[in-house]
Amino acid sequence: MKIQPIKNEKSYELALQRVEKLMGAGPGTPEGDELDVLVTLIEAYESRMHPINTPDPIEAIRFRMQQTGLNNRDLEKYIGSSGRVSEIMNYKRRLSISMIRSLNTGLNIPLESLVKEYELKV
């Protein structure tokens, strides 16, 4: 087992190919240990070179609505009146702390998405 840092796309692709070959390796075996180390290196490379940006709060809400089949009316219990829901969903008003907590708890939307800054459209 010769493990090296992943420094470029070529070594990244080679690491992915090796992981594919090691996928059935049992824990505690030399192959399993190699798999663990390679996965850690791949995750570090991906987070550095291929970061995934969190969506803005409104996009996160829309995504959860789509996943669960909700509509704007369903958001009233988390955000407030239909007018307030409309303002929020159309980027006319920011989410309050209580709305963020309610959406996080009620719809299981990650806090990191709900507290992200976003531009209002006035």
PDB file of N, CA and C in Angstrom:
ATOM      1  N   MET A   1       0.859  -1.177   0.000  1.00  0.00           N
ATOM      2  CA  MET A   1       0.000   0.000   0.000  1.00  0.00           C
ATOM      3  C   MET A   1       0.898   1.230   0.000  1.00  0.00           C
ATOM      4  N   LYS A   2       0.878   1.965  -1.101  1.00  0.00           N
ATOM      5  CA  LYS A   2       1.648   3.197  -1.199  1.00  0.00           C
ATOM      6  C   LYS A   2       0.660   4.347  -1.356  1.00  0.00           C
ATOM      7  N   ILE A   3       0.410   5.043  -0.272  1.00  0.00           N
ATOM      8  CA  ILE A   3      -0.551   6.149  -0.252  1.00  0.00           C
ATOM      9  C   ILE A   3       0.219   7.458  -0.411  1.00  0.00           C
ATOM     10  N   GLN A   4      -0.296   8.321  -1.283  1.00  0.00           N
ATOM     11  CA  GLN A   4       0.310   9.634  -1.497  1.00  0.00           C
ATOM     12  C   GLN A   4      -0.780  10.693  -1.449  1.00  0.00           C
ATOM     13  N   PRO A   5      -0.414  11.932  -1.153  1.00  0.00           N
ATOM     14  CA  PRO A   5      -1.412  13.005  -1.179  1.00  0.00           C
ATOM     15  C   PRO A   5      -2.010  13.153  -2.565  1.00  0.00           C
ATOM     16  N   ILE A   6      -3.260  13.585  -2.600  1.00  0.00           N
ATOM     17  CA  ILE A   6      -3.934  13.851  -3.874  1.00  0.00           C
ATOM     18  C   ILE A   6      -3.696  15.324  -4.197  1.00  0.00           C
ATOM     19  N   LYS A   7      -2.941  15.573  -5.264  1.00  0.00           N
ATOM     20  CA  LYS A   7      -2.525  16.936  -5.583  1.00  0.00           C
ATOM     21  C   LYS A   7      -3.142  17.490  -6.858  1.00  0.00           C
ATOM     22  N   ASN A   8      -3.709  16.601  -7.686  1.00  0.00           N
ATOM     23  CA  ASN A   8      -4.274  17.060  -8.956  1.00  0.00           C
ATOM     24  C   ASN A   8      -5.389  16.111  -9.386  1.00  0.00           C
ATOM     25  N   GLU A   9      -6.036  16.451 -10.493  1.00  0.00           N
ATOM     26  CA  GLU A   9      -7.167  15.657 -10.975  1.00  0.00           C
ATOM     27  C   GLU A   9      -6.750  14.241 -11.379  1.00  0.00           C
ATOM     28  N   LYS A  10      -5.543  14.098 -11.910  1.00  0.00           N
ATOM     29  CA  LYS A  10      -5.085  12.769 -12.308  1.00  0.00           C
ATOM     30  C   LYS A  10      -4.952  11.859 -11.092  1.00  0.00           C
ATOM     31  N   SER A  11      -4.293  12.345 -10.032  1.00  0.00           N
ATOM     32  CA  SER A  11      -4.148  11.505  -8.839  1.00  0.00           C
ATOM     33  C   SER A  11      -5.491  11.300  -8.143  1.00  0.00           C
ATOM     34  N   TYR A  12      -6.393  12.262  -8.285  1.00  0.00           N
ATOM     35  CA  TYR A  12      -7.752  12.123  -7.748  1.00  0.00           C
ATOM     36  C   TYR A  12      -8.487  10.987  -8.456  1.00  0.00           C
ATOM     37  N   GLU A  13      -8.412  10.960  -9.778  1.00  0.00           N
ATOM     38  CA  GLU A  13      -9.066   9.902 -10.558  1.00  0.00           C
ATOM     39  C   GLU A  13      -8.477   8.529 -10.231  1.00  0.00           C
ATOM     40  N   LEU A  14      -7.157   8.472 -10.079  1.00  0.00           N
ATOM     41  CA  LEU A  14      -6.519   7.201  -9.722  1.00  0.00           C
ATOM     42  C   LEU A  14      -6.980   6.725  -8.347  1.00  0.00           C
ATOM     43  N   ALA A  15      -7.107   7.648  -7.409  1.00  0.00           N
ATOM     44  CA  ALA A  15      -7.578   7.295  -6.071  1.00  0.00           C
ATOM     45  C   ALA A  15      -9.012   6.773  -6.121  1.00  0.00           C
ATOM     46  N   LEU A  16      -9.870   7.417  -6.935  1.00  0.00           N
ATOM     47  CA  LEU A  16     -11.247   6.950  -7.084  1.00  0.00           C
ATOM     48  C   LEU A  16     -11.298   5.543  -7.671  1.00  0.00           C
ATOM     49  N   GLN A  17     -10.445   5.280  -8.649  1.00  0.00           N
ATOM     50  CA  GLN A  17     -10.395   3.945  -9.251  1.00  0.00           C
ATOM     51  C   GLN A  17      -9.954   2.901  -8.227  1.00  0.00           C
ATOM     52  N   ARG A  18      -8.979   3.269  -7.407  1.00  0.00           N
ATOM     53  CA  ARG A  18      -8.489   2.328  -6.381  1.00  0.00           C
ATOM     54  C   ARG A  18      -9.574   2.073  -5.329  1.00  0.00           C
ATOM     55  N   VAL A  19     -10.299   3.109  -4.946  1.00  0.00           N
ATOM     56  CA  VAL A  19     -11.384   2.948  -3.981  1.00  0.00           C
ATOM     57  C   VAL A  19     -12.437   1.993  -4.537  1.00  0.00           C
ATOM     58  N   GLU A  20     -12.740   2.130  -5.810  1.00  0.00           N
ATOM     59  CA  GLU A  20     -13.724   1.248  -6.435  1.00  0.00           C
ATOM     60  C   GLU A  20     -13.296  -0.214  -6.324  1.00  0.00           C
ATOM     61  N   LYS A  21     -12.007  -0.479  -6.494  1.00  0.00           N
ATOM     62  CA  LYS A  21     -11.497  -1.850  -6.400  1.00  0.00           C
ATOM     63  C   LYS A  21     -11.520  -2.363  -4.958  1.00  0.00           C
ATOM     64  N   LEU A  22     -11.403  -1.440  -3.997  1.00  0.00           N
ATOM     65  CA  LEU A  22     -11.325  -1.830  -2.584  1.00  0.00           C
ATOM     66  C   LEU A  22     -12.682  -1.847  -1.879  1.00  0.00           C
ATOM     67  N   MET A  23     -13.745  -1.536  -2.564  1.00  0.00           N
ATOM     68  CA  MET A  23     -15.051  -1.357  -1.919  1.00  0.00           C
ATOM     69  C   MET A  23     -15.509  -2.553  -1.084  1.00  0.00           C
ATOM     70  N   GLY A  24     -15.158  -3.746  -1.396  1.00  0.00           N
ATOM     71  CA  GLY A  24     -15.597  -4.904  -0.629  1.00  0.00           C
ATOM     72  C   GLY A  24     -14.661  -5.277   0.512  1.00  0.00           C
ATOM     73  N   ALA A  25     -13.624  -4.490   0.727  1.00  0.00           N
ATOM     74  CA  ALA A  25     -12.623  -4.823   1.753  1.00  0.00           C
ATOM     75  C   ALA A  25     -13.232  -4.789   3.144  1.00  0.00           C
ATOM     76  N   GLY A  26     -12.862  -5.768   3.926  1.00  0.00           N
ATOM     77  CA  GLY A  26     -13.380  -5.849   5.292  1.00  0.00           C
ATOM     78  C   GLY A  26     -12.634  -4.915   6.234  1.00  0.00           C
ATOM     79  N   PRO A  27     -13.312  -4.481   7.293  1.00  0.00           N
ATOM     80  CA  PRO A  27     -12.659  -3.616   8.280  1.00  0.00           C
ATOM     81  C   PRO A  27     -11.529  -4.361   8.995  1.00  0.00           C
ATOM     82  N   GLY A  28     -10.465  -3.648   9.275  1.00  0.00           N
ATOM     83  CA  GLY A  28      -9.337  -4.226   9.987  1.00  0.00           C
ATOM     84  C   GLY A  28      -8.365  -4.994   9.108  1.00  0.00           C
ATOM     85  N   THR A  29      -8.653  -5.097   7.815  1.00  0.00           N
ATOM     86  CA  THR A  29      -7.732  -5.755   6.886  1.00  0.00           C
ATOM     87  C   THR A  29      -6.831  -4.683   6.280  1.00  0.00           C
ATOM     88  N   PRO A  30      -5.699  -5.086   5.727  1.00  0.00           N
ATOM     89  CA  PRO A  30      -4.851  -4.085   5.062  1.00  0.00           C
ATOM     90  C   PRO A  30      -5.600  -3.321   3.964  1.00  0.00           C
ATOM     91  N   GLU A  31      -6.451  -4.041   3.215  1.00  0.00           N
ATOM     92  CA  GLU A  31      -7.228  -3.383   2.161  1.00  0.00           C
ATOM     93  C   GLU A  31      -8.263  -2.431   2.763  1.00  0.00           C
ATOM     94  N   GLY A  32      -8.875  -2.841   3.864  1.00  0.00           N
ATOM     95  CA  GLY A  32      -9.839  -1.971   4.548  1.00  0.00           C
ATOM     96  C   GLY A  32      -9.182  -0.715   5.080  1.00  0.00           C
ATOM     97  N   ASP A  33      -7.972  -0.848   5.621  1.00  0.00           N
ATOM     98  CA  ASP A  33      -7.226   0.316   6.113  1.00  0.00           C
ATOM     99  C   ASP A  33      -6.860   1.249   4.960  1.00  0.00           C
ATOM    100  N   GLU A  34      -6.443   0.666   3.846  1.00  0.00           N
ATOM    101  CA  GLU A  34      -6.118   1.474   2.669  1.00  0.00           C
ATOM    102  C   GLU A  34      -7.357   2.229   2.190  1.00  0.00           C
ATOM    103  N   LEU A  35      -8.489   1.554   2.180  1.00  0.00           N
ATOM    104  CA  LEU A  35      -9.746   2.188   1.780  1.00  0.00           C
ATOM    105  C   LEU A  35     -10.067   3.372   2.683  1.00  0.00           C
ATOM    106  N   ASP A  36      -9.939   3.189   3.990  1.00  0.00           N
ATOM    107  CA  ASP A  36     -10.213   4.282   4.939  1.00  0.00           C
ATOM    108  C   ASP A  36      -9.332   5.495   4.673  1.00  0.00           C
ATOM    109  N   VAL A  37      -8.053   5.245   4.462  1.00  0.00           N
ATOM    110  CA  VAL A  37      -7.110   6.348   4.225  1.00  0.00           C
ATOM    111  C   VAL A  37      -7.418   7.043   2.902  1.00  0.00           C
ATOM    112  N   LEU A  38      -7.689   6.276   1.862  1.00  0.00           N
ATOM    113  CA  LEU A  38      -7.989   6.866   0.557  1.00  0.00           C
ATOM    114  C   LEU A  38      -9.266   7.708   0.599  1.00  0.00           C
ATOM    115  N   VAL A  39     -10.291   7.205   1.267  1.00  0.00           N
ATOM    116  CA  VAL A  39     -11.543   7.959   1.370  1.00  0.00           C
ATOM    117  C   VAL A  39     -11.302   9.285   2.089  1.00  0.00           C
ATOM    118  N   THR A  40     -10.505   9.273   3.130  1.00  0.00           N
ATOM    119  CA  THR A  40     -10.178  10.506   3.849  1.00  0.00           C
ATOM    120  C   THR A  40      -9.440  11.486   2.939  1.00  0.00           C
ATOM    121  N   LEU A  41      -8.485  11.000   2.176  1.00  0.00           N
ATOM    122  CA  LEU A  41      -7.748  11.862   1.250  1.00  0.00           C
ATOM    123  C   LEU A  41      -8.657  12.415   0.151  1.00  0.00           C
ATOM    124  N   ILE A  42      -9.543  11.577  -0.360  1.00  0.00           N
ATOM    125  CA  ILE A  42     -10.471  12.016  -1.401  1.00  0.00           C
ATOM    126  C   ILE A  42     -11.405  13.089  -0.874  1.00  0.00           C
ATOM    127  N   GLU A  43     -11.953  12.890   0.325  1.00  0.00           N
ATOM    128  CA  GLU A  43     -12.843  13.894   0.924  1.00  0.00           C
ATOM    129  C   GLU A  43     -12.132  15.223   1.119  1.00  0.00           C
ATOM    130  N   ALA A  44     -10.876  15.181   1.574  1.00  0.00           N
ATOM    131  CA  ALA A  44     -10.112  16.416   1.769  1.00  0.00           C
ATOM    132  C   ALA A  44      -9.885  17.128   0.436  1.00  0.00           C
ATOM    133  N   TYR A  45      -9.531  16.373  -0.592  1.00  0.00           N
ATOM    134  CA  TYR A  45      -9.309  16.958  -1.917  1.00  0.00           C
ATOM    135  C   TYR A  45     -10.596  17.563  -2.461  1.00  0.00           C
ATOM    136  N   GLU A  46     -11.704  16.822  -2.355  1.00  0.00           N
ATOM    137  CA  GLU A  46     -12.977  17.313  -2.877  1.00  0.00           C
ATOM    138  C   GLU A  46     -13.430  18.579  -2.155  1.00  0.00           C
ATOM    139  N   SER A  47     -13.263  18.620  -0.850  1.00  0.00           N
ATOM    140  CA  SER A  47     -13.693  19.822  -0.129  1.00  0.00           C
ATOM    141  C   SER A  47     -12.839  21.031  -0.501  1.00  0.00           C
ATOM    142  N   ARG A  48     -11.593  20.790  -0.852  1.00  0.00           N
ATOM    143  CA  ARG A  48     -10.697  21.879  -1.247  1.00  0.00           C
ATOM    144  C   ARG A  48     -10.896  22.290  -2.706  1.00  0.00           C
ATOM    145  N   MET A  49     -11.038  21.309  -3.597  1.00  0.00           N
ATOM    146  CA  MET A  49     -11.049  21.596  -5.028  1.00  0.00           C
ATOM    147  C   MET A  49     -12.447  21.615  -5.656  1.00  0.00           C
ATOM    148  N   HIS A  50     -13.413  20.972  -5.017  1.00  0.00           N
ATOM    149  CA  HIS A  50     -14.770  20.887  -5.554  1.00  0.00           C
ATOM    150  C   HIS A  50     -15.786  21.200  -4.456  1.00  0.00           C
ATOM    151  N   PRO A  51     -15.671  22.381  -3.849  1.00  0.00           N
ATOM    152  CA  PRO A  51     -16.587  22.673  -2.740  1.00  0.00           C
ATOM    153  C   PRO A  51     -18.031  22.787  -3.224  1.00  0.00           C
ATOM    154  N   ILE A  52     -18.937  22.385  -2.355  1.00  0.00           N
ATOM    155  CA  ILE A  52     -20.362  22.494  -2.652  1.00  0.00           C
ATOM    156  C   ILE A  52     -20.902  23.635  -1.812  1.00  0.00           C
ATOM    157  N   ASN A  53     -21.367  24.671  -2.470  1.00  0.00           N
ATOM    158  CA  ASN A  53     -21.900  25.821  -1.755  1.00  0.00           C
ATOM    159  C   ASN A  53     -23.283  25.502  -1.216  1.00  0.00           C
ATOM    160  N   THR A  54     -23.544  25.965  -0.008  1.00  0.00           N
ATOM    161  CA  THR A  54     -24.880  25.787   0.544  1.00  0.00           C
ATOM    162  C   THR A  54     -25.828  26.741  -0.175  1.00  0.00           C
ATOM    163  N   PRO A  55     -27.062  26.331  -0.371  1.00  0.00           N
ATOM    164  CA  PRO A  55     -28.019  27.208  -1.056  1.00  0.00           C
ATOM    165  C   PRO A  55     -28.402  28.380  -0.164  1.00  0.00           C
ATOM    166  N   ASP A  56     -28.951  29.430  -0.761  1.00  0.00           N
ATOM    167  CA  ASP A  56     -29.453  30.510   0.072  1.00  0.00           C
ATOM    168  C   ASP A  56     -30.706  30.000   0.797  1.00  0.00           C
ATOM    169  N   PRO A  57     -31.122  30.675   1.856  1.00  0.00           N
ATOM    170  CA  PRO A  57     -32.244  30.179   2.661  1.00  0.00           C
ATOM    171  C   PRO A  57     -33.523  29.924   1.869  1.00  0.00           C
ATOM    172  N   ILE A  58     -33.850  30.786   0.940  1.00  0.00           N
ATOM    173  CA  ILE A  58     -35.090  30.628   0.194  1.00  0.00           C
ATOM    174  C   ILE A  58     -35.016  29.400  -0.712  1.00  0.00           C
ATOM    175  N   GLU A  59     -33.867  29.187  -1.350  1.00  0.00           N
ATOM    176  CA  GLU A  59     -33.693  27.991  -2.175  1.00  0.00           C
ATOM    177  C   GLU A  59     -33.741  26.727  -1.321  1.00  0.00           C
ATOM    178  N   ALA A  60     -33.190  26.787  -0.110  1.00  0.00           N
ATOM    179  CA  ALA A  60     -33.252  25.633   0.794  1.00  0.00           C
ATOM    180  C   ALA A  60     -34.696  25.324   1.179  1.00  0.00           C
ATOM    181  N   ILE A  61     -35.481  26.361   1.438  1.00  0.00           N
ATOM    182  CA  ILE A  61     -36.899  26.176   1.766  1.00  0.00           C
ATOM    183  C   ILE A  61     -37.632  25.581   0.564  1.00  0.00           C
ATOM    184  N   ARG A  62     -37.388  26.139  -0.618  1.00  0.00           N
ATOM    185  CA  ARG A  62     -38.045  25.627  -1.833  1.00  0.00           C
ATOM    186  C   ARG A  62     -37.698  24.161  -2.088  1.00  0.00           C
ATOM    187  N   PHE A  63     -36.443  23.821  -1.864  1.00  0.00           N
ATOM    188  CA  PHE A  63     -36.008  22.439  -2.063  1.00  0.00           C
ATOM    189  C   PHE A  63     -36.757  21.508  -1.109  1.00  0.00           C
ATOM    190  N   ARG A  64     -36.844  21.893   0.173  1.00  0.00           N
ATOM    191  CA  ARG A  64     -37.556  21.064   1.148  1.00  0.00           C
ATOM    192  C   ARG A  64     -39.037  20.973   0.789  1.00  0.00           C
ATOM    193  N   MET A  65     -39.625  22.081   0.318  1.00  0.00           N
ATOM    194  CA  MET A  65     -41.028  22.063  -0.098  1.00  0.00           C
ATOM    195  C   MET A  65     -41.225  21.060  -1.238  1.00  0.00           C
ATOM    196  N   GLN A  66     -40.326  21.078  -2.190  1.00  0.00           N
ATOM    197  CA  GLN A  66     -40.414  20.161  -3.324  1.00  0.00           C
ATOM    198  C   GLN A  66     -40.275  18.714  -2.855  1.00  0.00           C
ATOM    199  N   GLN A  67     -39.348  18.464  -1.948  1.00  0.00           N
ATOM    200  CA  GLN A  67     -39.131  17.114  -1.438  1.00  0.00           C
ATOM    201  C   GLN A  67     -40.354  16.562  -0.716  1.00  0.00           C
ATOM    202  N   THR A  68     -41.034  17.436   0.020  1.00  0.00           N
ATOM    203  CA  THR A  68     -42.126  16.983   0.886  1.00  0.00           C
ATOM    204  C   THR A  68     -43.508  17.299   0.334  1.00  0.00           C
ATOM    205  N   GLY A  69     -43.577  17.915  -0.833  1.00  0.00           N
ATOM    206  CA  GLY A  69     -44.866  18.207  -1.448  1.00  0.00           C
ATOM    207  C   GLY A  69     -45.632  19.328  -0.765  1.00  0.00           C
ATOM    208  N   LEU A  70     -44.916  20.268  -0.162  1.00  0.00           N
ATOM    209  CA  LEU A  70     -45.557  21.398   0.512  1.00  0.00           C
ATOM    210  C   LEU A  70     -45.795  22.544  -0.458  1.00  0.00           C
ATOM    211  N   ASN A  71     -46.715  23.439  -0.089  1.00  0.00           N
ATOM    212  CA  ASN A  71     -46.925  24.670  -0.854  1.00  0.00           C
ATOM    213  C   ASN A  71     -46.768  25.856   0.098  1.00  0.00           C
ATOM    214  N   ASN A  72     -46.892  27.065  -0.425  1.00  0.00           N
ATOM    215  CA  ASN A  72     -46.692  28.261   0.400  1.00  0.00           C
ATOM    216  C   ASN A  72     -47.634  28.300   1.603  1.00  0.00           C
ATOM    217  N   ARG A  73     -48.840  27.839   1.428  1.00  0.00           N
ATOM    218  CA  ARG A  73     -49.808  27.835   2.528  1.00  0.00           C
ATOM    219  C   ARG A  73     -49.311  26.987   3.700  1.00  0.00           C
ATOM    220  N   ASP A  74     -48.621  25.889   3.396  1.00  0.00           N
ATOM    221  CA  ASP A  74     -48.074  25.013   4.433  1.00  0.00           C
ATOM    222  C   ASP A  74     -46.981  25.703   5.254  1.00  0.00           C
ATOM    223  N   LEU A  75     -46.372  26.730   4.688  1.00  0.00           N
ATOM    224  CA  LEU A  75     -45.305  27.442   5.393  1.00  0.00           C
ATOM    225  C   LEU A  75     -45.823  28.417   6.444  1.00  0.00           C
ATOM    226  N   GLU A  76     -47.104  28.703   6.420  1.00  0.00           N
ATOM    227  CA  GLU A  76     -47.662  29.695   7.338  1.00  0.00           C
ATOM    228  C   GLU A  76     -47.419  29.334   8.798  1.00  0.00           C
ATOM    229  N   LYS A  77     -47.448  28.069   9.138  1.00  0.00           N
ATOM    230  CA  LYS A  77     -47.228  27.691  10.537  1.00  0.00           C
ATOM    231  C   LYS A  77     -45.773  27.874  10.965  1.00  0.00           C
ATOM    232  N   TYR A  78     -44.857  28.023  10.011  1.00  0.00           N
ATOM    233  CA  TYR A  78     -43.448  28.236  10.334  1.00  0.00           C
ATOM    234  C   TYR A  78     -43.034  29.703  10.194  1.00  0.00           C
ATOM    235  N   ILE A  79     -43.691  30.422   9.292  1.00  0.00           N
ATOM    236  CA  ILE A  79     -43.277  31.784   8.955  1.00  0.00           C
ATOM    237  C   ILE A  79     -44.278  32.832   9.415  1.00  0.00           C
ATOM    238  N   GLY A  80     -45.555  32.543   9.298  1.00  0.00           N
ATOM    239  CA  GLY A  80     -46.586  33.515   9.664  1.00  0.00           C
ATOM    240  C   GLY A  80     -47.653  33.604   8.589  1.00  0.00           C
ATOM    241  N   SER A  81     -48.254  34.763   8.479  1.00  0.00           N
ATOM    242  CA  SER A  81     -49.374  34.962   7.548  1.00  0.00           C
ATOM    243  C   SER A  81     -48.976  34.685   6.105  1.00  0.00           C
ATOM    244  N   SER A  82     -49.985  34.539   5.259  1.00  0.00           N
ATOM    245  CA  SER A  82     -49.719  34.275   3.839  1.00  0.00           C
ATOM    246  C   SER A  82     -48.941  35.430   3.215  1.00  0.00           C
ATOM    247  N   GLY A  83     -49.231  36.652   3.650  1.00  0.00           N
ATOM    248  CA  GLY A  83     -48.487  37.809   3.144  1.00  0.00           C
ATOM    249  C   GLY A  83     -47.022  37.753   3.532  1.00  0.00           C
ATOM    250  N   ARG A  84     -46.765  37.337   4.762  1.00  0.00           N
ATOM    251  CA  ARG A  84     -45.372  37.220   5.234  1.00  0.00           C
ATOM    252  C   ARG A  84     -44.648  36.116   4.472  1.00  0.00           C
ATOM    253  N   VAL A  85     -45.316  34.997   4.255  1.00  0.00           N
ATOM    254  CA  VAL A  85     -44.724  33.901   3.477  1.00  0.00           C
ATOM    255  C   VAL A  85     -44.372  34.401   2.081  1.00  0.00           C
ATOM    256  N   SER A  86     -45.265  35.124   1.458  1.00  0.00           N
ATOM    257  CA  SER A  86     -45.028  35.663   0.120  1.00  0.00           C
ATOM    258  C   SER A  86     -43.825  36.601   0.116  1.00  0.00           C
ATOM    259  N   GLU A  87     -43.744  37.481   1.104  1.00  0.00           N
ATOM    260  CA  GLU A  87     -42.603  38.404   1.183  1.00  0.00           C
ATOM    261  C   GLU A  87     -41.289  37.643   1.312  1.00  0.00           C
ATOM    262  N   ILE A  88     -41.277  36.647   2.169  1.00  0.00           N
ATOM    263  CA  ILE A  88     -40.058  35.855   2.366  1.00  0.00           C
ATOM    264  C   ILE A  88     -39.688  35.118   1.083  1.00  0.00           C
ATOM    265  N   MET A  89     -40.650  34.424   0.506  1.00  0.00           N
ATOM    266  CA  MET A  89     -40.364  33.585  -0.658  1.00  0.00           C
ATOM    267  C   MET A  89     -40.027  34.394  -1.910  1.00  0.00           C
ATOM    268  N   ASN A  90     -40.395  35.670  -1.928  1.00  0.00           N
ATOM    269  CA  ASN A  90     -40.071  36.552  -3.059  1.00  0.00           C
ATOM    270  C   ASN A  90     -38.901  37.489  -2.751  1.00  0.00           C
ATOM    271  N   TYR A  91     -38.134  37.157  -1.717  1.00  0.00           N
ATOM    272  CA  TYR A  91     -36.935  37.919  -1.356  1.00  0.00           C
ATOM    273  C   TYR A  91     -37.233  39.373  -0.997  1.00  0.00           C
ATOM    274  N   LYS A  92     -38.401  39.642  -0.448  1.00  0.00           N
ATOM    275  CA  LYS A  92     -38.764  41.005  -0.056  1.00  0.00           C
ATOM    276  C   LYS A  92     -38.505  41.257   1.426  1.00  0.00           C
ATOM    277  N   ARG A  93     -38.351  40.191   2.206  1.00  0.00           N
ATOM    278  CA  ARG A  93     -38.144  40.291   3.643  1.00  0.00           C
ATOM    279  C   ARG A  93     -37.206  39.164   4.074  1.00  0.00           C
ATOM    280  N   ARG A  94     -36.412  39.447   5.090  1.00  0.00           N
ATOM    281  CA  ARG A  94     -35.499  38.435   5.627  1.00  0.00           C
ATOM    282  C   ARG A  94     -36.205  37.552   6.643  1.00  0.00           C
ATOM    283  N   LEU A  95     -35.683  36.355   6.788  1.00  0.00           N
ATOM    284  CA  LEU A  95     -36.177  35.453   7.826  1.00  0.00           C
ATOM    285  C   LEU A  95     -35.774  35.986   9.198  1.00  0.00           C
ATOM    286  N   SER A  96     -36.660  35.887  10.155  1.00  0.00           N
ATOM    287  CA  SER A  96     -36.329  36.257  11.531  1.00  0.00           C
ATOM    288  C   SER A  96     -35.735  35.041  12.240  1.00  0.00           C
ATOM    289  N   ILE A  97     -35.161  35.274  13.408  1.00  0.00           N
ATOM    290  CA  ILE A  97     -34.594  34.178  14.194  1.00  0.00           C
ATOM    291  C   ILE A  97     -35.668  33.145  14.523  1.00  0.00           C
ATOM    292  N   SER A  98     -36.856  33.606  14.903  1.00  0.00           N
ATOM    293  CA  SER A  98     -37.919  32.655  15.255  1.00  0.00           C
ATOM    294  C   SER A  98     -38.359  31.851  14.029  1.00  0.00           C
ATOM    295  N   MET A  99     -38.381  32.470  12.854  1.00  0.00           N
ATOM    296  CA  MET A  99     -38.715  31.737  11.628  1.00  0.00           C
ATOM    297  C   MET A  99     -37.650  30.686  11.334  1.00  0.00           C
ATOM    298  N   ILE A 100     -36.404  31.073  11.477  1.00  0.00           N
ATOM    299  CA  ILE A 100     -35.290  30.156  11.227  1.00  0.00           C
ATOM    300  C   ILE A 100     -35.384  28.948  12.154  1.00  0.00           C
ATOM    301  N   ARG A 101     -35.617  29.202  13.430  1.00  0.00           N
ATOM    302  CA  ARG A 101     -35.745  28.094  14.391  1.00  0.00           C
ATOM    303  C   ARG A 101     -36.917  27.189  14.025  1.00  0.00           C
ATOM    304  N   SER A 102     -38.031  27.797  13.666  1.00  0.00           N
ATOM    305  CA  SER A 102     -39.231  27.036  13.332  1.00  0.00           C
ATOM    306  C   SER A 102     -39.020  26.188  12.079  1.00  0.00           C
ATOM    307  N   LEU A 103     -38.395  26.754  11.059  1.00  0.00           N
ATOM    308  CA  LEU A 103     -38.126  26.011   9.825  1.00  0.00           C
ATOM    309  C   LEU A 103     -37.117  24.889  10.059  1.00  0.00           C
ATOM    310  N   ASN A 104     -36.128  25.156  10.893  1.00  0.00           N
ATOM    311  CA  ASN A 104     -35.139  24.142  11.221  1.00  0.00           C
ATOM    312  C   ASN A 104     -35.779  22.970  11.958  1.00  0.00           C
ATOM    313  N   THR A 105     -36.578  23.281  12.957  1.00  0.00           N
ATOM    314  CA  THR A 105     -37.218  22.241  13.756  1.00  0.00           C
ATOM    315  C   THR A 105     -38.340  21.546  12.996  1.00  0.00           C
ATOM    316  N   GLY A 106     -39.208  22.328  12.364  1.00  0.00           N
ATOM    317  CA  GLY A 106     -40.390  21.764  11.723  1.00  0.00           C
ATOM    318  C   GLY A 106     -40.140  21.082  10.403  1.00  0.00           C
ATOM    319  N   LEU A 107     -39.231  21.636   9.611  1.00  0.00           N
ATOM    320  CA  LEU A 107     -38.977  21.067   8.281  1.00  0.00           C
ATOM    321  C   LEU A 107     -37.596  20.425   8.161  1.00  0.00           C
ATOM    322  N   ASN A 108     -36.842  20.484   9.261  1.00  0.00           N
ATOM    323  CA  ASN A 108     -35.516  19.868   9.285  1.00  0.00           C
ATOM    324  C   ASN A 108     -34.587  20.442   8.216  1.00  0.00           C
ATOM    325  N   ILE A 109     -34.665  21.753   8.025  1.00  0.00           N
ATOM    326  CA  ILE A 109     -33.759  22.436   7.102  1.00  0.00           C
ATOM    327  C   ILE A 109     -32.520  22.815   7.908  1.00  0.00           C
ATOM    328  N   PRO A 110     -31.328  22.494   7.430  1.00  0.00           N
ATOM    329  CA  PRO A 110     -30.113  22.783   8.192  1.00  0.00           C
ATOM    330  C   PRO A 110     -29.960  24.271   8.516  1.00  0.00           C
ATOM    331  N   LEU A 111     -29.541  24.547   9.742  1.00  0.00           N
ATOM    332  CA  LEU A 111     -29.338  25.932  10.163  1.00  0.00           C
ATOM    333  C   LEU A 111     -28.330  26.651   9.274  1.00  0.00           C
ATOM    334  N   GLU A 112     -27.292  25.945   8.846  1.00  0.00           N
ATOM    335  CA  GLU A 112     -26.266  26.600   8.018  1.00  0.00           C
ATOM    336  C   GLU A 112     -26.852  27.152   6.723  1.00  0.00           C
ATOM    337  N   SER A 113     -27.903  26.544   6.221  1.00  0.00           N
ATOM    338  CA  SER A 113     -28.567  27.067   5.024  1.00  0.00           C
ATOM    339  C   SER A 113     -29.482  28.229   5.362  1.00  0.00           C
ATOM    340  N   LEU A 114     -30.168  28.133   6.492  1.00  0.00           N
ATOM    341  CA  LEU A 114     -31.154  29.163   6.852  1.00  0.00           C
ATOM    342  C   LEU A 114     -30.511  30.482   7.310  1.00  0.00           C
ATOM    343  N   VAL A 115     -29.318  30.432   7.837  1.00  0.00           N
ATOM    344  CA  VAL A 115     -28.698  31.667   8.335  1.00  0.00           C
ATOM    345  C   VAL A 115     -27.777  32.327   7.319  1.00  0.00           C
ATOM    346  N   LYS A 116     -27.622  31.716   6.175  1.00  0.00           N
ATOM    347  CA  LYS A 116     -26.747  32.283   5.143  1.00  0.00           C
ATOM    348  C   LYS A 116     -27.307  33.622   4.651  1.00  0.00           C
ATOM    349  N   GLU A 117     -26.419  34.583   4.426  1.00  0.00           N
ATOM    350  CA  GLU A 117     -26.823  35.886   3.908  1.00  0.00           C
ATOM    351  C   GLU A 117     -27.356  35.762   2.484  1.00  0.00           C
ATOM    352  N   TYR A 118     -28.333  36.587   2.161  1.00  0.00           N
ATOM    353  CA  TYR A 118     -28.873  36.615   0.799  1.00  0.00           C
ATOM    354  C   TYR A 118     -29.374  38.008   0.484  1.00  0.00           C
ATOM    355  N   GLU A 119     -29.437  38.296  -0.795  1.00  0.00           N
ATOM    356  CA  GLU A 119     -29.844  39.618  -1.269  1.00  0.00           C
ATOM    357  C   GLU A 119     -31.365  39.733  -1.312  1.00  0.00           C
ATOM    358  N   LEU A 120     -31.870  40.858  -0.840  1.00  0.00           N
ATOM    359  CA  LEU A 120     -33.288  41.148  -0.974  1.00  0.00           C
ATOM    360  C   LEU A 120     -33.517  41.774  -2.342  1.00  0.00           C
ATOM    361  N   LYS A 121     -34.720  41.586  -2.882  1.00  0.00           N
ATOM    362  CA  LYS A 121     -35.091  42.172  -4.170  1.00  0.00           C
ATOM    363  C   LYS A 121     -36.163  43.216  -3.894  1.00  0.00           C
ATOM    364  N   VAL A 122     -35.706  44.427  -3.743  1.00  0.00           N
ATOM    365  CA  VAL A 122     -36.665  45.509  -3.414  1.00  0.00           C
ATOM    366  C   VAL A 122     -37.066  46.311  -4.614  1.00  0.00           C
TER     367      VAL A 122
END
